Amino acid sequence: MAAIMVAIIAAVVLFALRSGDYLVLRNGDTKEEYARFRVSEGDEFSVMFIHSVNQYPLTDVYQIRGHAIYVVQTIYYNFGAGVQTEIEEGQKLEIGENGEMIVTGFDREMPYLSYIVGTVSDHTLTIHGEEISLRELCGRNSKVEFSCEHKFY
């Protein structure tokens, strides 16, 4: 009887440890899963790439809130196509130590978040302090969809 109780407790603990929210990266066309990363409420991750026109780095920062992805900050060094040129209500623009423009104050859920991995320059995912090359993980010119998924095991 004790062995059965130990097995049940072990199964419950394993289930609890594996269940939770995950940042999932999938192929935008085939829906094949590239990777999944365990995340918790308030965790942040970022995607950095070199802007194709002005050739400066651009970093988008996201946060996990309520099992969803929210954009919280954008960091860039120069204006270019697709880069924010006006500050919206509730947003704030600061200049960083190295001259970077840091826009905060977003409060926008990103129910559909995707990037097309660069053919010339890489896209880099940073999560839990680890930098991951999306070119190496997904391949050049891949459409990568990001989602926050709750998984029960």
Foldseek 3Di string as FASTA:
>chain_A
DVVVVVVVVVVVVVQVVPFFKWKWKAFPPPRHTLDIHHDDAFFKKKKWKQDPPPRWIKIWMWGQHPLFIFTFKIKTQDDDPPDDDDADPQKDWDQDPVRITMIGRGGDTCQWDKDFAAPVMWMWMAGPNDTDTCCVRPNHRTIMTIGMDTDGD
